[in-house]
Structures are given as structure tokens and as C-alpha cells.
Amino acid sequence: MDSAAHKHSLLSQRMYTTGEVSRILGVDASTLRRWRRGKPAEGPGFILISERVAKYPESDLEAYLVARHIIPAA
């Protein structure tokens, strides 16, 4: 995906707050903050709006969940 297409897709999708993502994943908001500060960063992809504000694009949250989705053998 070229840079212009990626920018458009980010602008057109839902952005989740840290609180919303913490509820979806069932982890504390402080865990998400710790994951973001890690070197390297962990957890779903995010956009750092400011030092204290991060937004999680829907596509990054979806990719994070898909990568961890385990389907047991039948």
C-alpha cells in the first residue's frame, strides 16, 4: 500500500481510545500504556497523537486479534 493510500485508510476508519481497547482486550489501560512504552513496543498498533494520547486504528486492532486467534484442531 502506498503512503497516500495508507493515510486515506487511517483517516477513514474508526479510532479506538486506550480505554476502549482495554475493555475489548480485557486488560488494564496501564498495561496498554506499558506495552506502548516498551522497546520494542508491544500490543496492537497505535498512533501517538501526543505524549499522553494514543489512538488505535480499527485495522491495527483487528490485525492484532487475528494474529492471536487460535482455532483448536477438531
C-alpha atoms as a PDB file:
ATOM      1  CA  MET A   1       0.000   0.000   0.000  1.00  0.00           C
ATOM      2  CA  ASP A   2       1.484   3.345  -0.962  1.00  0.00           C
ATOM      3  CA  SER A   3       1.763   6.164   1.548  1.00  0.00           C
ATOM      4  CA  ALA A   4      -1.211   8.151   0.213  1.00  0.00           C
ATOM      5  CA  ALA A   5      -3.493   5.091   0.272  1.00  0.00           C
ATOM      6  CA  HIS A   6      -2.371   4.230   3.814  1.00  0.00           C
ATOM      7  CA  LYS A   7      -3.090   7.779   5.018  1.00  0.00           C
ATOM      8  CA  HIS A   8      -6.549   7.674   3.464  1.00  0.00           C
ATOM      9  CA  SER A   9      -7.342   4.336   5.061  1.00  0.00           C
ATOM     10  CA  LEU A  10      -6.289   5.607   8.502  1.00  0.00           C
ATOM     11  CA  LEU A  11      -8.421   8.708   8.138  1.00  0.00           C
ATOM     12  CA  SER A  12     -11.481   6.746   7.079  1.00  0.00           C
ATOM     13  CA  GLN A  13     -11.505   4.124   9.806  1.00  0.00           C
ATOM     14  CA  ARG A  14     -12.638   4.109  13.408  1.00  0.00           C
ATOM     15  CA  MET A  15     -10.058   5.027  16.031  1.00  0.00           C
ATOM     16  CA  TYR A  16     -10.298   3.469  19.491  1.00  0.00           C
ATOM     17  CA  THR A  17      -9.148   5.052  22.742  1.00  0.00           C
ATOM     18  CA  THR A  18      -6.922   3.315  25.259  1.00  0.00           C
ATOM     19  CA  GLY A  19      -9.955   2.754  27.488  1.00  0.00           C
ATOM     20  CA  GLU A  20     -11.960   1.162  24.688  1.00  0.00           C
ATOM     21  CA  VAL A  21      -9.100  -1.142  23.697  1.00  0.00           C
ATOM     22  CA  SER A  22      -8.514  -2.139  27.317  1.00  0.00           C
ATOM     23  CA  ARG A  23     -12.166  -3.213  27.584  1.00  0.00           C
ATOM     24  CA  ILE A  24     -12.061  -5.089  24.268  1.00  0.00           C
ATOM     25  CA  LEU A  25      -8.866  -6.977  25.183  1.00  0.00           C
ATOM     26  CA  GLY A  26      -9.728  -7.400  28.849  1.00  0.00           C
ATOM     27  CA  VAL A  27      -6.504  -5.802  30.075  1.00  0.00           C
ATOM     28  CA  ASP A  28      -5.957  -2.750  32.240  1.00  0.00           C
ATOM     29  CA  ALA A  29      -5.307   0.572  30.498  1.00  0.00           C
ATOM     30  CA  SER A  30      -1.957   0.725  32.320  1.00  0.00           C
ATOM     31  CA  THR A  31      -0.959  -2.497  30.528  1.00  0.00           C
ATOM     32  CA  LEU A  32      -1.576  -0.851  27.153  1.00  0.00           C
ATOM     33  CA  ARG A  33       0.478   2.173  28.226  1.00  0.00           C
ATOM     34  CA  ARG A  34       3.316  -0.112  29.338  1.00  0.00           C
ATOM     35  CA  TRP A  35       3.171  -2.021  26.027  1.00  0.00           C
ATOM     36  CA  ARG A  36       3.366   1.275  24.094  1.00  0.00           C
ATOM     37  CA  ARG A  37       6.428   2.461  26.040  1.00  0.00           C
ATOM     38  CA  GLY A  38       8.296  -0.826  25.614  1.00  0.00           C
ATOM     39  CA  LYS A  39      11.359  -1.103  23.417  1.00  0.00           C
ATOM     40  CA  PRO A  40      10.190  -2.512  21.106  1.00  0.00           C
ATOM     41  CA  ALA A  41       6.560  -1.519  21.555  1.00  0.00           C
ATOM     42  CA  GLU A  42       4.089  -4.369  22.057  1.00  0.00           C
ATOM     43  CA  GLY A  43       0.358  -4.818  21.623  1.00  0.00           C
ATOM     44  CA  PRO A  44      -1.833  -3.505  18.832  1.00  0.00           C
ATOM     45  CA  GLY A  45      -0.513  -0.806  16.514  1.00  0.00           C
ATOM     46  CA  PHE A  46      -1.281   2.746  17.588  1.00  0.00           C
ATOM     47  CA  ILE A  47      -0.940   6.358  16.574  1.00  0.00           C
ATOM     48  CA  LEU A  48       0.689   8.589  19.156  1.00  0.00           C
ATOM     49  CA  ILE A  49      -1.295  11.820  18.983  1.00  0.00           C
ATOM     50  CA  SER A  50       0.654  13.402  21.840  1.00  0.00           C
ATOM     51  CA  GLU A  51       2.796  12.241  24.741  1.00  0.00           C
ATOM     52  CA  ARG A  52      -0.359  11.243  26.657  1.00  0.00           C
ATOM     53  CA  VAL A  53      -2.854  10.424  23.894  1.00  0.00           C
ATOM     54  CA  ALA A  54      -2.775   7.345  21.670  1.00  0.00           C
ATOM     55  CA  LYS A  55      -5.398   6.139  19.215  1.00  0.00           C
ATOM     56  CA  TYR A  56      -5.748   2.605  17.940  1.00  0.00           C
ATOM     57  CA  PRO A  57      -6.883   2.258  14.315  1.00  0.00           C
ATOM     58  CA  GLU A  58      -9.513  -0.433  13.822  1.00  0.00           C
ATOM     59  CA  SER A  59      -7.309  -2.216  11.264  1.00  0.00           C
ATOM     60  CA  ASP A  60      -4.407  -2.483  13.735  1.00  0.00           C
ATOM     61  CA  LEU A  61      -6.655  -3.807  16.482  1.00  0.00           C
ATOM     62  CA  GLU A  62      -8.147  -6.348  14.048  1.00  0.00           C
ATOM     63  CA  ALA A  63      -4.670  -7.440  12.883  1.00  0.00           C
ATOM     64  CA  TYR A  64      -3.533  -7.881  16.496  1.00  0.00           C
ATOM     65  CA  LEU A  65      -6.526 -10.079  17.298  1.00  0.00           C
ATOM     66  CA  VAL A  66      -6.236 -12.107  14.071  1.00  0.00           C
ATOM     67  CA  ALA A  67      -2.544 -12.797  14.788  1.00  0.00           C
ATOM     68  CA  ARG A  68      -3.500 -14.229  18.197  1.00  0.00           C
ATOM     69  CA  HIS A  69      -6.598 -16.129  17.089  1.00  0.00           C
ATOM     70  CA  ILE A  70      -6.099 -19.810  17.817  1.00  0.00           C
ATOM     71  CA  ILE A  71      -8.505 -22.316  16.335  1.00  0.00           C
ATOM     72  CA  PRO A  72      -8.092 -25.712  18.039  1.00  0.00           C
ATOM     73  CA  ALA A  73      -7.926 -28.771  15.832  1.00  0.00           C
ATOM     74  CA  ALA A  74     -11.222 -30.600  15.533  1.00  0.00           C
END
